[in-house]
Each structure stands twice: as C-alpha cells, then as structure tokens.
Amino acid sequence: KHGAGPVVPEKAVRFSFTIMSVSVLADEMHEEVTIFTEPKPNSELSCKPLCLTFVDESDHETLTAILWPIVAERNAMKESRLILPIGGLSRSFRFHFIGTGYDEKMVREMEGLEASGSTYICTLCDSGRSEASQNMVLHSVTRNHEENLERYEIWRTNPL
C-alpha cells in the first residue's frame, strides 16, 4: 500500500492449514509423544489453500461471507474427534489448531503500535511486493512455528 513498487491487490486472503505435528498419548503415559513433525512446511506439497481470493481488507462483509464457512468448519473440527480403527481397535484423535501466520498490521494494532511500512507483505515466507505481484498463488512457508513466534515478538516489541 505504501511506497514504490508494482501494484499488489489490497489484500490477498489465503486460508489453509497444514498438519504440523502428530502426537500420541498412551493410556499409561503422562506426556504426549510426538511421532511426526513437519519441520518447514511447503505449501505446494503439504498445504493446499482452502480459500484464495483478492479483497479489500476494509470490506468486512465480503471477508465475512468468504471466510465464515471455513472458520465455522475449523471451529467444528476443534470440538470433534476423529475415530480411526488402528490394529483392530478404535482410536480417538482431537484436532489442535495453532496460528502460525501472524499479520504484522494486526499485531501492531493490538499492541498499540503504528504500522512499520515493512517491505514484506507475506508473514509466512517473507515475500516482497515485486515477488508477490508476480505470484499470488504458490508460496513456500519458510519458517516453522517457533520462528514465527520469534517474529511475532519482534513485531510486538519493535515500533520501528
């Protein structure tokens, strides 16, 4: 929105999720055991977008109409259990959702900070404006959850 560079739509909304880890809690165990972890998920391989659209971020009605069914499904999944037969026995699984993509503008507004005018527009892959204007569909998530938490802390504490 600010500065020079190629024109990029007001807001590109990409709503997707990736299985980041699978953990098991055995009956006799007190702690979960992680049996799978996606170290650096790549969207082209493991993260298919559920929704990709260009919208004006101030058009809340359109955003709500597009994302509400997806958010409702996500909330329903959080309250449900997946039951799979494994080795002849039914096993119950729960879904845990963790936000890995933090919107810099939102973080700064929540923390009472002004927007920084960052040259990056993607909070997951550090894509710049010129790259994003050429490729709005395929992207690579280049940071894991811990790295995103570190980035979030930088945004939260650094007003410049």
Foldseek 3Di string as FASTA:
>chain_A
DDDDDDDDFQDKDFAKDFCAWDWDDDPPHDDIDIPDGDQFFFCVPTIDTPDIDGDNPVPVVVVCVRCVVVVVVVVVQQVDWDWDQDPNDIDTHHDDDDDQFDQLCVLCVVLVAHDDPDQAHGRQARDGRHRCVVDVHGDTRGHDRVVSVVVSVCSNPPRD
